[in-house]
Amino acid sequence: MEIVGAVLIGAIVGLLLGLIGGGGAVLIVPSMVYILHVDAHIALATALIIVGVNALIGGVMAWWAGRTHIRTALPFGVAGIVTAYLGARISRLIPGDILLIAFSCMLLVIARVMYQGPSTAKPAVIQSRPLWHIMIIGASVGLVTGVLGIGGGFLIVPAMVLLIGMPMSEAVGTSLIVIAINSAASMLGHLDALFDWTLIMWLLVGAVPSILISGRISPHISPKSLRHAFAIFVSVVAVIMLAENMWGRFVH
């Protein structure tokens, strides 16, 4: 049953990353904690591996298809390397229930951004932004990635569309490259974690084929309905996690 659950969770993560450029950690962390009963710290670190591997595969596919903007992805991702590592080290010092409360609050923010969604209209040209502007945003996303184990796609995609003027399909592909960079940096802060490599293997068994499939079909699917449905699902999960962990910490 655990194997089936891990493969299914991995498959959904791969689909989300390929279709909307994010959502992997949003689903995988609560699924591992509440369904597979994995420790919160291990779940956050494991999410970085699964999301990072799939983001790398999806990013390479998007690059081959011409749906990435490397000149934005590289400074964005590099700026987050140090902050992602520092965030990962900080997360090891925070109690698991506090991490899950913070994670739940971030889910609610993500759900709102996701439901509203950026405009999918393609601008004439990508706006020119100062390098320091891009790097500040990248460093901020890296810190969130390290502390909460979130790849940052739901933060990166709107930023690239709204602040840089990047088309939605290109922002999704570019975000995958940034997610891969941030996840790799964050993992340096979790190398001493006691990973369940068998579980990771089954998660990847489900995730890798899904990212390959979604990378093929994502240019042909409008993400609006998917964003709305998943935003509602994320909100429900966030409220349940927030209520349970706040009850456990402040009432018991």
C-alpha atoms as a PDB file:
ATOM      1  CA  MET A   1       0.000   0.000   0.000  1.00  0.00           C
ATOM      2  CA  GLU A   2       2.863   2.361   0.843  1.00  0.00           C
ATOM      3  CA  ILE A   3       4.476   1.640  -2.534  1.00  0.00           C
ATOM      4  CA  VAL A   4       1.248   2.378  -4.417  1.00  0.00           C
ATOM      5  CA  GLY A   5       0.757   5.571  -2.422  1.00  0.00           C
ATOM      6  CA  ALA A   6       4.325   6.738  -3.074  1.00  0.00           C
ATOM      7  CA  VAL A   7       4.075   6.079  -6.823  1.00  0.00           C
ATOM      8  CA  LEU A   8       0.720   7.867  -7.018  1.00  0.00           C
ATOM      9  CA  ILE A   9       1.990  10.872  -5.050  1.00  0.00           C
ATOM     10  CA  GLY A  10       5.077  11.045  -7.258  1.00  0.00           C
ATOM     11  CA  ALA A  11       2.952  10.890 -10.414  1.00  0.00           C
ATOM     12  CA  ILE A  12       0.756  13.795  -9.301  1.00  0.00           C
ATOM     13  CA  VAL A  13       3.835  15.841  -8.373  1.00  0.00           C
ATOM     14  CA  GLY A  14       5.297  15.299 -11.840  1.00  0.00           C
ATOM     15  CA  LEU A  15       2.056  16.352 -13.511  1.00  0.00           C
ATOM     16  CA  LEU A  16       1.786  19.530 -11.451  1.00  0.00           C
ATOM     17  CA  LEU A  17       5.356  20.575 -12.149  1.00  0.00           C
ATOM     18  CA  GLY A  18       5.014  19.985 -15.872  1.00  0.00           C
ATOM     19  CA  LEU A  19       1.613  21.643 -16.277  1.00  0.00           C
ATOM     20  CA  ILE A  20       1.826  24.692 -14.030  1.00  0.00           C
ATOM     21  CA  GLY A  21       5.500  25.031 -13.117  1.00  0.00           C
ATOM     22  CA  GLY A  22       5.025  24.344  -9.412  1.00  0.00           C
ATOM     23  CA  GLY A  23       3.005  22.522  -6.818  1.00  0.00           C
ATOM     24  CA  GLY A  24       5.332  19.604  -6.161  1.00  0.00           C
ATOM     25  CA  ALA A  25       6.222  20.337  -2.538  1.00  0.00           C
ATOM     26  CA  VAL A  26       2.742  21.715  -1.857  1.00  0.00           C
ATOM     27  CA  LEU A  27       1.357  18.218  -2.398  1.00  0.00           C
ATOM     28  CA  ILE A  28       4.241  15.948  -1.485  1.00  0.00           C
ATOM     29  CA  VAL A  29       4.991  17.319   2.003  1.00  0.00           C
ATOM     30  CA  PRO A  30       1.501  16.919   3.530  1.00  0.00           C
ATOM     31  CA  SER A  31       1.049  13.620   1.654  1.00  0.00           C
ATOM     32  CA  MET A  32       4.245  12.185   3.139  1.00  0.00           C
ATOM     33  CA  VAL A  33       3.447  13.472   6.638  1.00  0.00           C
ATOM     34  CA  TYR A  34      -0.220  12.466   6.844  1.00  0.00           C
ATOM     35  CA  ILE A  35      -0.481   9.511   4.448  1.00  0.00           C
ATOM     36  CA  LEU A  36       2.971   7.902   4.596  1.00  0.00           C
ATOM     37  CA  HIS A  37       3.664   9.061   8.201  1.00  0.00           C
ATOM     38  CA  VAL A  38       7.108  10.498   7.476  1.00  0.00           C
ATOM     39  CA  ASP A  39       8.745  12.908   9.947  1.00  0.00           C
ATOM     40  CA  ALA A  40       8.172  16.552   8.953  1.00  0.00           C
ATOM     41  CA  HIS A  41      11.888  17.363   8.603  1.00  0.00           C
ATOM     42  CA  ILE A  42      12.505  14.286   6.459  1.00  0.00           C
ATOM     43  CA  ALA A  43       9.416  15.044   4.348  1.00  0.00           C
ATOM     44  CA  LEU A  44      10.631  18.583   3.650  1.00  0.00           C
ATOM     45  CA  ALA A  45      14.098  17.343   2.671  1.00  0.00           C
ATOM     46  CA  THR A  46      12.711  14.478   0.562  1.00  0.00           C
ATOM     47  CA  ALA A  47      10.433  16.903  -1.273  1.00  0.00           C
ATOM     48  CA  LEU A  48      13.527  18.803  -2.406  1.00  0.00           C
ATOM     49  CA  ILE A  49      14.943  15.647  -4.017  1.00  0.00           C
ATOM     50  CA  ILE A  50      11.738  14.671  -5.815  1.00  0.00           C
ATOM     51  CA  VAL A  51      10.893  18.199  -6.933  1.00  0.00           C
ATOM     52  CA  GLY A  52      14.494  18.973  -7.894  1.00  0.00           C
ATOM     53  CA  VAL A  53      14.952  15.883 -10.078  1.00  0.00           C
ATOM     54  CA  ASN A  54      11.652  16.419 -11.851  1.00  0.00           C
ATOM     55  CA  ALA A  55      12.241  20.146 -12.291  1.00  0.00           C
ATOM     56  CA  LEU A  56      15.612  19.414 -13.888  1.00  0.00           C
ATOM     57  CA  ILE A  57      14.063  16.963 -16.342  1.00  0.00           C
ATOM     58  CA  GLY A  58      11.165  19.305 -17.128  1.00  0.00           C
ATOM     59  CA  GLY A  59      13.480  22.295 -17.454  1.00  0.00           C
ATOM     60  CA  VAL A  60      15.719  20.508 -19.948  1.00  0.00           C
ATOM     61  CA  MET A  61      12.665  19.478 -21.989  1.00  0.00           C
ATOM     62  CA  ALA A  62      11.356  23.052 -21.957  1.00  0.00           C
ATOM     63  CA  TRP A  63      14.775  24.341 -22.998  1.00  0.00           C
ATOM     64  CA  TRP A  64      14.879  21.947 -25.942  1.00  0.00           C
ATOM     65  CA  ALA A  65      11.394  23.134 -26.918  1.00  0.00           C
ATOM     66  CA  GLY A  66      12.442  26.797 -26.725  1.00  0.00           C
ATOM     67  CA  ARG A  67      10.179  27.586 -23.752  1.00  0.00           C
ATOM     68  CA  THR A  68      12.784  28.958 -21.334  1.00  0.00           C
ATOM     69  CA  HIS A  69      14.586  32.262 -20.813  1.00  0.00           C
ATOM     70  CA  ILE A  70      18.056  31.247 -19.637  1.00  0.00           C
ATOM     71  CA  ARG A  71      19.293  34.826 -19.148  1.00  0.00           C
ATOM     72  CA  THR A  72      16.632  35.230 -16.472  1.00  0.00           C
ATOM     73  CA  ALA A  73      16.764  31.707 -15.010  1.00  0.00           C
ATOM     74  CA  LEU A  74      20.486  31.635 -14.241  1.00  0.00           C
ATOM     75  CA  PRO A  75      20.813  34.859 -12.175  1.00  0.00           C
ATOM     76  CA  PHE A  76      17.441  34.126 -10.541  1.00  0.00           C
ATOM     77  CA  GLY A  77      18.589  30.649  -9.534  1.00  0.00           C
ATOM     78  CA  VAL A  78      22.184  31.518  -8.631  1.00  0.00           C
ATOM     79  CA  ALA A  79      21.003  34.326  -6.334  1.00  0.00           C
ATOM     80  CA  GLY A  80      18.999  31.773  -4.364  1.00  0.00           C
ATOM     81  CA  ILE A  81      21.824  29.254  -3.860  1.00  0.00           C
ATOM     82  CA  VAL A  82      23.252  30.789  -0.685  1.00  0.00           C
ATOM     83  CA  THR A  83      19.871  31.719   0.810  1.00  0.00           C
ATOM     84  CA  ALA A  84      18.461  28.259  -0.009  1.00  0.00           C
ATOM     85  CA  TYR A  85      21.358  26.591   1.803  1.00  0.00           C
ATOM     86  CA  LEU A  86      21.021  28.921   4.791  1.00  0.00           C
ATOM     87  CA  GLY A  87      17.262  28.357   4.846  1.00  0.00           C
ATOM     88  CA  ALA A  88      17.773  24.594   4.914  1.00  0.00           C
ATOM     89  CA  ARG A  89      20.133  24.883   7.872  1.00  0.00           C
ATOM     90  CA  ILE A  90      17.692  27.153   9.691  1.00  0.00           C
ATOM     91  CA  SER A  91      14.833  24.702   9.141  1.00  0.00           C
ATOM     92  CA  ARG A  92      16.726  21.994  11.052  1.00  0.00           C
ATOM     93  CA  LEU A  93      16.582  24.195  14.162  1.00  0.00           C
ATOM     94  CA  ILE A  94      12.811  24.751  14.017  1.00  0.00           C
ATOM     95  CA  PRO A  95      10.370  22.238  15.611  1.00  0.00           C
ATOM     96  CA  GLY A  96       8.460  20.138  13.083  1.00  0.00           C
ATOM     97  CA  ASP A  97       5.019  21.421  14.076  1.00  0.00           C
ATOM     98  CA  ILE A  98       6.148  25.041  13.712  1.00  0.00           C
ATOM     99  CA  LEU A  99       7.488  24.237  10.242  1.00  0.00           C
ATOM    100  CA  LEU A 100       4.138  22.710   9.288  1.00  0.00           C
ATOM    101  CA  ILE A 101       2.251  25.754  10.615  1.00  0.00           C
ATOM    102  CA  ALA A 102       4.486  28.031   8.537  1.00  0.00           C
ATOM    103  CA  PHE A 103       4.079  25.671   5.588  1.00  0.00           C
ATOM    104  CA  SER A 104       0.283  25.841   5.952  1.00  0.00           C
ATOM    105  CA  CYS A 105       0.324  29.648   5.963  1.00  0.00           C
ATOM    106  CA  MET A 106       2.478  29.622   2.842  1.00  0.00           C
ATOM    107  CA  LEU A 107      -0.016  27.245   1.203  1.00  0.00           C
ATOM    108  CA  LEU A 108      -2.809  29.762   1.758  1.00  0.00           C
ATOM    109  CA  VAL A 109      -0.744  32.507   0.139  1.00  0.00           C
ATOM    110  CA  ILE A 110       0.148  30.211  -2.738  1.00  0.00           C
ATOM    111  CA  ALA A 111      -3.502  29.202  -3.209  1.00  0.00           C
ATOM    112  CA  ARG A 112      -4.570  32.823  -3.500  1.00  0.00           C
ATOM    113  CA  VAL A 113      -1.848  33.661  -6.028  1.00  0.00           C
ATOM    114  CA  MET A 114      -2.596  30.494  -7.931  1.00  0.00           C
ATOM    115  CA  TYR A 115      -6.357  31.078  -8.059  1.00  0.00           C
ATOM    116  CA  GLN A 116      -5.981  34.615  -9.333  1.00  0.00           C
ATOM    117  CA  GLY A 117      -3.322  33.533 -11.786  1.00  0.00           C
ATOM    118  CA  PRO A 118      -1.181  35.812 -13.915  1.00  0.00           C
ATOM    119  CA  SER A 119      -2.315  37.004 -17.290  1.00  0.00           C
ATOM    120  CA  THR A 120      -1.578  34.502 -20.022  1.00  0.00           C
ATOM    121  CA  ALA A 121      -1.515  37.144 -22.719  1.00  0.00           C
ATOM    122  CA  LYS A 122       1.863  37.208 -24.456  1.00  0.00           C
ATOM    123  CA  PRO A 123       3.507  40.635 -24.376  1.00  0.00           C
ATOM    124  CA  ALA A 124       5.408  42.012 -27.338  1.00  0.00           C
ATOM    125  CA  VAL A 125       8.775  41.792 -25.588  1.00  0.00           C
ATOM    126  CA  ILE A 126      10.076  40.667 -22.230  1.00  0.00           C
ATOM    127  CA  GLN A 127      10.620  43.738 -20.073  1.00  0.00           C
ATOM    128  CA  SER A 128      14.214  44.632 -19.267  1.00  0.00           C
ATOM    129  CA  ARG A 129      14.807  44.423 -15.528  1.00  0.00           C
ATOM    130  CA  PRO A 130      18.018  45.320 -13.657  1.00  0.00           C
ATOM    131  CA  LEU A 131      20.121  42.312 -12.721  1.00  0.00           C
ATOM    132  CA  TRP A 132      19.986  43.255  -9.029  1.00  0.00           C
ATOM    133  CA  HIS A 133      16.170  43.277  -9.176  1.00  0.00           C
ATOM    134  CA  ILE A 134      16.068  39.729 -10.551  1.00  0.00           C
ATOM    135  CA  MET A 135      18.652  38.542  -8.021  1.00  0.00           C
ATOM    136  CA  ILE A 136      16.803  40.001  -5.014  1.00  0.00           C
ATOM    137  CA  ILE A 137      13.634  38.151  -6.043  1.00  0.00           C
ATOM    138  CA  GLY A 138      15.678  34.995  -6.625  1.00  0.00           C
ATOM    139  CA  ALA A 139      17.355  35.230  -3.209  1.00  0.00           C
ATOM    140  CA  SER A 140      13.975  35.643  -1.493  1.00  0.00           C
ATOM    141  CA  VAL A 141      12.550  32.591  -3.248  1.00  0.00           C
ATOM    142  CA  GLY A 142      15.680  30.616  -2.364  1.00  0.00           C
ATOM    143  CA  LEU A 143      15.217  31.357   1.330  1.00  0.00           C
ATOM    144  CA  VAL A 144      11.600  30.138   1.244  1.00  0.00           C
ATOM    145  CA  THR A 145      12.733  27.025  -0.620  1.00  0.00           C
ATOM    146  CA  GLY A 146      15.349  26.178   1.981  1.00  0.00           C
ATOM    147  CA  VAL A 147      13.235  26.748   5.078  1.00  0.00           C
ATOM    148  CA  LEU A 148       9.950  25.188   3.950  1.00  0.00           C
ATOM    149  CA  GLY A 149      11.101  22.729   1.282  1.00  0.00           C
ATOM    150  CA  ILE A 150       9.031  24.500  -1.374  1.00  0.00           C
ATOM    151  CA  GLY A 151      10.472  24.591  -4.879  1.00  0.00           C
ATOM    152  CA  GLY A 152       9.058  28.089  -5.340  1.00  0.00           C
ATOM    153  CA  GLY A 153       7.288  27.608  -8.673  1.00  0.00           C
ATOM    154  CA  PHE A 154       4.101  29.330  -7.485  1.00  0.00           C
ATOM    155  CA  LEU A 155       6.196  32.333  -6.492  1.00  0.00           C
ATOM    156  CA  ILE A 156       8.513  32.298  -9.511  1.00  0.00           C
ATOM    157  CA  VAL A 157       5.906  31.990 -12.273  1.00  0.00           C
ATOM    158  CA  PRO A 158       3.767  35.008 -11.236  1.00  0.00           C
ATOM    159  CA  ALA A 159       6.926  37.069 -10.648  1.00  0.00           C
ATOM    160  CA  MET A 160       8.241  36.285 -14.109  1.00  0.00           C
ATOM    161  CA  VAL A 161       4.916  37.017 -15.796  1.00  0.00           C
ATOM    162  CA  LEU A 162       3.911  40.106 -13.809  1.00  0.00           C
ATOM    163  CA  LEU A 163       7.312  41.698 -13.137  1.00  0.00           C
ATOM    164  CA  ILE A 164       9.304  40.655 -16.187  1.00  0.00           C
ATOM    165  CA  GLY A 165       6.498  40.339 -18.734  1.00  0.00           C
ATOM    166  CA  MET A 166       7.316  36.749 -19.669  1.00  0.00           C
ATOM    167  CA  PRO A 167       4.692  34.613 -21.492  1.00  0.00           C
ATOM    168  CA  MET A 168       3.035  32.010 -19.230  1.00  0.00           C
ATOM    169  CA  SER A 169       4.386  28.977 -21.120  1.00  0.00           C
ATOM    170  CA  GLU A 170       7.919  30.389 -21.047  1.00  0.00           C
ATOM    171  CA  ALA A 171       7.628  31.329 -17.368  1.00  0.00           C
ATOM    172  CA  VAL A 172       6.663  27.729 -16.518  1.00  0.00           C
ATOM    173  CA  GLY A 173       9.704  26.325 -18.336  1.00  0.00           C
ATOM    174  CA  THR A 174      12.045  28.934 -16.855  1.00  0.00           C
ATOM    175  CA  SER A 175      10.725  28.335 -13.338  1.00  0.00           C
ATOM    176  CA  LEU A 176      11.632  24.634 -13.596  1.00  0.00           C
ATOM    177  CA  ILE A 177      15.287  25.508 -14.143  1.00  0.00           C
ATOM    178  CA  VAL A 178      15.248  27.846 -11.137  1.00  0.00           C
ATOM    179  CA  ILE A 179      13.494  25.212  -9.008  1.00  0.00           C
ATOM    180  CA  ALA A 180      16.181  22.644  -9.904  1.00  0.00           C
ATOM    181  CA  ILE A 181      18.946  25.073  -8.880  1.00  0.00           C
ATOM    182  CA  ASN A 182      17.235  26.057  -5.622  1.00  0.00           C
ATOM    183  CA  SER A 183      16.409  22.461  -4.691  1.00  0.00           C
ATOM    184  CA  ALA A 184      20.007  21.334  -5.242  1.00  0.00           C
ATOM    185  CA  ALA A 185      21.329  24.169  -3.059  1.00  0.00           C
ATOM    186  CA  SER A 186      18.776  23.457  -0.332  1.00  0.00           C
ATOM    187  CA  MET A 187      19.749  19.777  -0.293  1.00  0.00           C
ATOM    188  CA  LEU A 188      23.259  20.749   0.833  1.00  0.00           C
ATOM    189  CA  GLY A 189      21.692  21.788   4.112  1.00  0.00           C
ATOM    190  CA  HIS A 190      19.944  18.429   4.539  1.00  0.00           C
ATOM    191  CA  LEU A 191      22.763  16.002   3.730  1.00  0.00           C
ATOM    192  CA  ASP A 192      22.767  14.685   7.291  1.00  0.00           C
ATOM    193  CA  ALA A 193      19.063  13.772   7.160  1.00  0.00           C
ATOM    194  CA  LEU A 194      18.081  10.112   7.516  1.00  0.00           C
ATOM    195  CA  PHE A 195      16.460   9.592   4.122  1.00  0.00           C
ATOM    196  CA  ASP A 196      14.326   6.605   3.201  1.00  0.00           C
ATOM    197  CA  TRP A 197      15.919   5.923  -0.183  1.00  0.00           C
ATOM    198  CA  THR A 198      13.475   3.126  -1.004  1.00  0.00           C
ATOM    199  CA  LEU A 199      10.585   5.563  -0.574  1.00  0.00           C
ATOM    200  CA  ILE A 200      12.418   8.151  -2.680  1.00  0.00           C
ATOM    201  CA  MET A 201      12.897   5.546  -5.420  1.00  0.00           C
ATOM    202  CA  TRP A 202       9.155   4.796  -5.581  1.00  0.00           C
ATOM    203  CA  LEU A 203       8.274   8.482  -5.556  1.00  0.00           C
ATOM    204  CA  LEU A 204      10.588   8.997  -8.542  1.00  0.00           C
ATOM    205  CA  VAL A 205       9.115   5.948 -10.294  1.00  0.00           C
ATOM    206  CA  GLY A 206       5.806   7.788 -10.333  1.00  0.00           C
ATOM    207  CA  ALA A 207       7.161  11.288 -10.850  1.00  0.00           C
ATOM    208  CA  VAL A 208       9.624  10.947 -13.741  1.00  0.00           C
ATOM    209  CA  PRO A 209       7.205   9.473 -16.328  1.00  0.00           C
ATOM    210  CA  SER A 210       4.615  12.090 -15.336  1.00  0.00           C
ATOM    211  CA  ILE A 211       6.956  15.033 -15.895  1.00  0.00           C
ATOM    212  CA  LEU A 212       7.882  13.596 -19.302  1.00  0.00           C
ATOM    213  CA  ILE A 213       4.223  13.246 -20.289  1.00  0.00           C
ATOM    214  CA  SER A 214       3.124  16.618 -18.919  1.00  0.00           C
ATOM    215  CA  GLY A 215       6.021  18.342 -20.656  1.00  0.00           C
ATOM    216  CA  ARG A 216       4.623  17.118 -23.966  1.00  0.00           C
ATOM    217  CA  ILE A 217       1.012  18.118 -23.380  1.00  0.00           C
ATOM    218  CA  SER A 218       1.394  21.320 -21.318  1.00  0.00           C
ATOM    219  CA  PRO A 219       1.676  23.669 -24.327  1.00  0.00           C
ATOM    220  CA  HIS A 220      -1.748  22.444 -25.502  1.00  0.00           C
ATOM    221  CA  ILE A 221      -3.674  22.776 -22.210  1.00  0.00           C
ATOM    222  CA  SER A 222      -5.110  25.938 -20.705  1.00  0.00           C
ATOM    223  CA  PRO A 223      -3.974  25.991 -17.060  1.00  0.00           C
ATOM    224  CA  LYS A 224      -6.779  28.211 -15.745  1.00  0.00           C
ATOM    225  CA  SER A 225      -9.246  25.495 -14.693  1.00  0.00           C
ATOM    226  CA  LEU A 226      -6.431  23.371 -13.289  1.00  0.00           C
ATOM    227  CA  ARG A 227      -5.103  26.319 -11.284  1.00  0.00           C
ATOM    228  CA  HIS A 228      -8.533  27.059  -9.831  1.00  0.00           C
ATOM    229  CA  ALA A 229      -9.259  23.460  -8.866  1.00  0.00           C
ATOM    230  CA  PHE A 230      -5.857  22.933  -7.308  1.00  0.00           C
ATOM    231  CA  ALA A 231      -6.009  26.283  -5.465  1.00  0.00           C
ATOM    232  CA  ILE A 232      -9.198  25.141  -3.746  1.00  0.00           C
ATOM    233  CA  PHE A 233      -7.618  21.783  -2.893  1.00  0.00           C
ATOM    234  CA  VAL A 234      -4.497  23.491  -1.519  1.00  0.00           C
ATOM    235  CA  SER A 235      -6.649  25.795   0.626  1.00  0.00           C
ATOM    236  CA  VAL A 236      -8.500  22.849   2.175  1.00  0.00           C
ATOM    237  CA  VAL A 237      -5.234  21.008   2.906  1.00  0.00           C
ATOM    238  CA  ALA A 238      -3.710  24.158   4.393  1.00  0.00           C
ATOM    239  CA  VAL A 239      -6.650  24.808   6.714  1.00  0.00           C
ATOM    240  CA  ILE A 240      -6.642  21.195   7.970  1.00  0.00           C
ATOM    241  CA  MET A 241      -2.861  21.211   8.554  1.00  0.00           C
ATOM    242  CA  LEU A 242      -2.990  24.610  10.248  1.00  0.00           C
ATOM    243  CA  ALA A 243      -5.861  23.630  12.554  1.00  0.00           C
ATOM    244  CA  GLU A 244      -4.280  20.298  13.526  1.00  0.00           C
ATOM    245  CA  ASN A 245      -0.812  21.669  14.277  1.00  0.00           C
ATOM    246  CA  MET A 246      -2.028  24.780  16.089  1.00  0.00           C
ATOM    247  CA  TRP A 247      -4.360  22.624  18.174  1.00  0.00           C
ATOM    248  CA  GLY A 248      -1.531  20.251  19.026  1.00  0.00           C
ATOM    249  CA  ARG A 249       0.878  23.048  19.986  1.00  0.00           C
ATOM    250  CA  PHE A 250      -1.313  25.589  21.733  1.00  0.00           C
ATOM    251  CA  VAL A 251      -4.149  23.505  23.210  1.00  0.00           C
ATOM    252  CA  HIS A 252      -2.578  20.234  24.337  1.00  0.00           C
END
